Every structure is written in C-alpha cells, then in structure tokens.
Amino acid sequence: MSTADKPGCAQTEHVAEYALSALPAHETPAFAAHVEWCAECRAELASLRPIVDAFVDWPADVVRAPSPLWARLAERIGGAPEPSELRWVAEPAWKQVAPGIEVKLLATDDATARVSMLVRLAPGAEYPGHSHAAVEELHLLDGELWIDDRKLDPGDYNRAEPGTSDARVWSETGCTCVLITSFRDVLR
C-alpha cells in the first residue's frame, strides 16, 4: 500500500522525530502547531511520550550510538558529523497573558520585530483592539474566531496589512490559532 493509499494523517510518520526533538529546527514550530489540531498526531505523540521520557534517565553513552557506528554512517552518506548528546527539549509552555487568553511562544525575531505563537482564547474571551505595525497572519486551528464582523472557522486564514486595525477580536466558542505578527502592534 503506498503512502497515498493509507488512511489518516500523512504527518503521523514525523511524530517520532518530533518526540525525540530530531526534526530540523525550522520545521519544529509548524509541526508543533499541526500536532495541536491533529487528533491522530496527538494520540501518536501521547503513545510515544512514556518511551521518550524513559530515555531521560539513561546514561548518554547508552542512548548514543558508539563513535565507530557514526564514523561508518558518515562514510556511507558522505561525511555526516557526529551528533551531540541526545537531550530532551521541552515544548514551550502555555502562558496566560490576559483573562481567557493563553499563548505558546514558538519563535521571535528581534531584527524584524516578528513573533510566531499559538494563541488560545477561552469561550467568550476578547483580545483588545489593535493596529498592525507589520503584516499579521493568522491561521485558525480550532473553534471559531471573530475579527470585527468576519467569522473565521477552522482552516481559515486571515492576513492584515500594516497600518490596518482590528477593533474587536473575540471567540464565542473558544479557539486556537497560529499567529505571526509584530510585537510592535499598538493596543487600544
């Protein structure tokens, strides 16, 4: 059976890499966001967590392959460097930033004043009106979100241009979204 013929999420095959912090750094935030809304990948991650957590207490020399194996592997694939010690990288924590609003910071770029994060609004929560200092991109993962008079449903994308404003952002049901925006936005 080919991968295209298999039912379920095609991303599930990457859950083990994610659990071991072995995904490339530039792919990790997007995959973390995917896991937040994909029930199949969340279940796979939950089944792997006890196994990965069990490795934390093992000595590094048991978890890491011996140097001769890495040398043979490097020779076969053309000079791969020996990996550093295996270490568990904790997922960022959710932080409450206002009543009913939690964020999980994924990345910041001080040079461009950009921030990528997961945002979770509780049912009835409202984000303050604000003006956009730069492009804001929002992808709704679950729930529903209202931006002024526009209702977003799961899978919807919203792009706001610099200089535009949102007078009211709220959720009647609660929601989770990926938000990429400027930390120079002006709150009203």
Protein backbone atom coordinates (compact mmCIF):
# COMPACT_ATOMS: atom_id res chain seq x y z
CA MET A 1 0.00 0.00 0.00
CA SER A 2 1.51 3.38 -0.94
CA THR A 3 1.56 6.34 1.46
CA ALA A 4 -1.17 7.99 -0.62
CA ASP A 5 -3.41 4.92 -0.11
CA LYS A 6 -3.08 4.89 3.68
CA PRO A 7 -5.93 6.46 5.65
CA GLY A 8 -5.22 9.09 8.29
CA CYS A 9 -2.75 11.92 8.61
CA ALA A 10 0.33 11.86 6.38
CA GLN A 11 2.25 13.80 9.05
CA THR A 12 1.98 10.99 11.64
CA GLU A 13 5.22 9.49 10.31
CA HIS A 14 7.09 12.55 11.68
CA VAL A 15 5.72 12.34 15.24
CA ALA A 16 8.60 10.14 16.47
CA GLU A 17 11.15 12.65 15.14
CA TYR A 18 9.23 15.44 16.87
CA ALA A 19 9.06 13.48 20.15
CA LEU A 20 12.83 12.95 20.05
CA SER A 21 13.48 16.62 19.13
CA ALA A 22 15.03 15.34 15.90
CA LEU A 23 13.04 17.46 13.44
CA PRO A 24 15.03 20.27 11.81
CA ALA A 25 14.67 23.43 13.92
CA HIS A 26 12.95 25.33 11.11
CA GLU A 27 10.24 22.62 10.85
CA THR A 28 9.52 22.25 14.58
CA PRO A 29 7.17 25.25 15.13
CA ALA A 30 4.92 24.33 12.19
CA PHE A 31 4.81 20.68 13.26
CA ALA A 32 4.02 21.68 16.86
CA ALA A 33 1.09 23.72 15.55
CA HIS A 34 -0.03 20.75 13.45
CA VAL A 35 0.04 18.44 16.48
CA GLU A 36 -2.15 20.92 18.39
CA TRP A 37 -5.06 20.40 15.99
CA CYS A 38 -4.45 16.89 14.60
CA ALA A 39 -6.02 14.27 16.88
CA GLU A 40 -4.17 11.40 15.17
CA CYS A 41 -0.74 13.00 15.66
CA ARG A 42 -1.59 14.00 19.26
CA ALA A 43 -2.55 10.40 20.02
CA GLU A 44 0.67 9.11 18.43
CA LEU A 45 2.71 11.64 20.44
CA ALA A 46 0.93 10.63 23.65
CA SER A 47 1.76 6.97 22.97
CA LEU A 48 5.45 7.83 22.42
CA ARG A 49 5.92 10.20 25.38
CA PRO A 50 6.40 7.43 28.01
CA ILE A 51 9.06 5.79 25.86
CA VAL A 52 10.94 9.02 25.18
CA ASP A 53 10.63 10.11 28.81
CA ALA A 54 12.15 6.79 29.89
CA PHE A 55 15.33 7.68 27.96
CA VAL A 56 15.87 10.83 30.04
CA ASP A 57 17.34 8.85 32.94
CA TRP A 58 19.59 6.66 30.78
CA PRO A 59 23.29 7.45 30.62
CA ALA A 60 24.21 9.28 27.39
CA ASP A 61 26.61 6.51 26.36
CA VAL A 62 23.69 4.03 26.25
CA VAL A 63 21.39 6.32 24.26
CA ARG A 64 24.06 7.50 21.79
CA ALA A 65 25.43 5.16 19.20
CA PRO A 66 29.15 4.39 19.60
CA SER A 67 31.61 6.55 17.63
CA PRO A 68 32.64 3.72 15.24
CA LEU A 69 29.00 3.41 14.14
CA TRP A 70 28.80 7.17 13.50
CA ALA A 71 32.07 7.03 11.55
CA ARG A 72 30.73 4.21 9.34
CA LEU A 73 27.46 6.04 8.85
CA ALA A 74 29.29 9.27 7.99
CA GLU A 75 31.44 7.42 5.48
CA ARG A 76 28.35 5.92 3.81
CA ILE A 77 26.45 9.19 3.50
CA GLY A 78 29.37 11.44 2.80
CA GLY A 79 30.70 12.95 5.99
CA ALA A 80 27.87 13.49 8.48
CA PRO A 81 29.15 14.97 11.74
CA GLU A 82 28.85 13.04 14.98
CA PRO A 83 25.72 14.22 16.80
CA SER A 84 25.90 16.00 20.12
CA GLU A 85 24.48 14.29 23.19
CA LEU A 86 20.82 13.43 22.96
CA ARG A 87 18.83 15.84 25.08
CA TRP A 88 15.15 16.38 25.65
CA VAL A 89 14.00 19.83 24.59
CA ALA A 90 10.87 20.74 26.47
CA GLU A 91 7.99 22.13 24.50
CA PRO A 92 7.22 25.78 25.25
CA ALA A 93 4.63 26.24 27.97
CA TRP A 94 1.27 27.95 27.61
CA LYS A 95 1.24 31.30 29.44
CA GLN A 96 -1.81 33.30 30.40
CA VAL A 97 -1.34 36.86 29.12
CA ALA A 98 -4.82 38.18 29.89
CA PRO A 99 -8.02 36.72 31.31
CA GLY A 100 -9.08 33.93 28.94
CA ILE A 101 -6.07 34.36 26.62
CA GLU A 102 -3.08 32.00 26.60
CA VAL A 103 -0.09 31.96 24.27
CA LYS A 104 2.65 29.48 23.48
CA LEU A 105 5.63 31.35 22.06
CA LEU A 106 7.17 29.48 19.12
CA ALA A 107 9.75 31.95 17.79
CA THR A 108 10.77 35.59 17.91
CA ASP A 109 12.91 37.61 15.54
CA ASP A 110 14.21 40.79 17.15
CA ALA A 111 15.69 42.01 13.85
CA THR A 112 12.24 42.13 12.20
CA ALA A 113 10.19 42.56 15.41
CA ARG A 114 8.19 39.42 14.47
CA VAL A 115 6.75 36.79 16.75
CA SER A 116 5.19 33.40 15.96
CA MET A 117 2.92 31.85 18.53
CA LEU A 118 -0.05 29.67 19.23
CA VAL A 119 -2.89 31.65 20.77
CA ARG A 120 -5.78 30.10 22.67
CA LEU A 121 -8.89 32.09 23.58
CA ALA A 122 -11.35 30.72 26.13
CA PRO A 123 -15.06 30.87 25.29
CA GLY A 124 -16.19 34.49 25.49
CA ALA A 125 -12.63 35.87 25.60
CA GLU A 126 -11.84 39.08 23.76
CA TYR A 127 -8.47 40.37 22.50
CA PRO A 128 -8.04 44.14 22.71
CA GLY A 129 -8.46 46.29 19.62
CA HIS A 130 -5.11 46.97 17.97
CA SER A 131 -3.31 48.47 14.96
CA HIS A 132 -0.92 46.34 12.91
CA ALA A 133 2.69 47.56 12.76
CA ALA A 134 3.50 44.92 10.12
CA VAL A 135 1.76 42.11 8.26
CA GLU A 136 -0.22 39.88 10.61
CA GLU A 137 -1.01 36.31 9.56
CA LEU A 138 -3.47 34.14 11.44
CA HIS A 139 -4.44 30.53 10.73
CA LEU A 140 -7.35 29.22 12.80
CA LEU A 141 -6.81 25.65 14.01
CA ASP A 142 -9.99 25.03 16.01
CA GLY A 143 -13.07 26.78 17.32
CA GLU A 144 -14.36 29.99 15.82
CA LEU A 145 -12.90 33.47 15.89
CA TRP A 146 -14.49 36.79 15.04
CA ILE A 147 -12.35 39.65 13.73
CA ASP A 148 -14.65 42.67 13.67
CA ASP A 149 -17.60 41.40 11.55
CA ARG A 150 -15.77 38.47 9.90
CA LYS A 151 -16.19 34.96 11.35
CA LEU A 152 -13.31 32.51 10.90
CA ASP A 153 -13.77 28.73 11.08
CA PRO A 154 -11.09 26.02 11.44
CA GLY A 155 -8.71 26.13 8.48
CA ASP A 156 -9.44 29.79 7.68
CA TYR A 157 -6.56 32.22 7.12
CA ASN A 158 -6.57 35.95 7.78
CA ARG A 159 -3.93 38.44 6.63
CA ALA A 160 -3.90 42.00 7.91
CA GLU A 161 -1.70 44.62 6.27
CA PRO A 162 0.49 47.16 8.10
CA GLY A 163 -1.46 50.21 9.22
CA THR A 164 -4.81 48.39 9.38
CA SER A 165 -6.69 47.90 12.64
CA ASP A 166 -8.91 45.33 14.30
CA ALA A 167 -11.47 46.97 16.57
CA ARG A 168 -12.66 43.71 18.15
CA VAL A 169 -11.31 40.15 18.15
CA TRP A 170 -13.24 37.56 20.15
CA SER A 171 -14.45 33.98 20.32
CA GLU A 172 -17.84 32.79 21.48
CA THR A 173 -16.77 29.12 21.49
CA GLY A 174 -13.06 29.39 22.31
CA CYS A 175 -10.39 28.79 19.70
CA THR A 176 -6.73 28.07 18.96
CA CYS A 177 -4.78 29.75 16.18
CA VAL A 178 -1.28 30.20 14.82
CA LEU A 179 -0.43 33.90 14.86
CA ILE A 180 2.56 35.53 13.17
CA THR A 181 2.67 39.22 13.91
CA SER A 182 4.77 42.17 15.06
CA PHE A 183 5.45 42.77 18.70
CA ARG A 184 5.25 46.48 17.84
CA ASP A 185 1.47 46.35 17.27
CA VAL A 186 -0.33 49.11 19.17
CA LEU A 187 -3.08 48.02 21.57
CA ARG A 188 -6.01 50.39 22.16
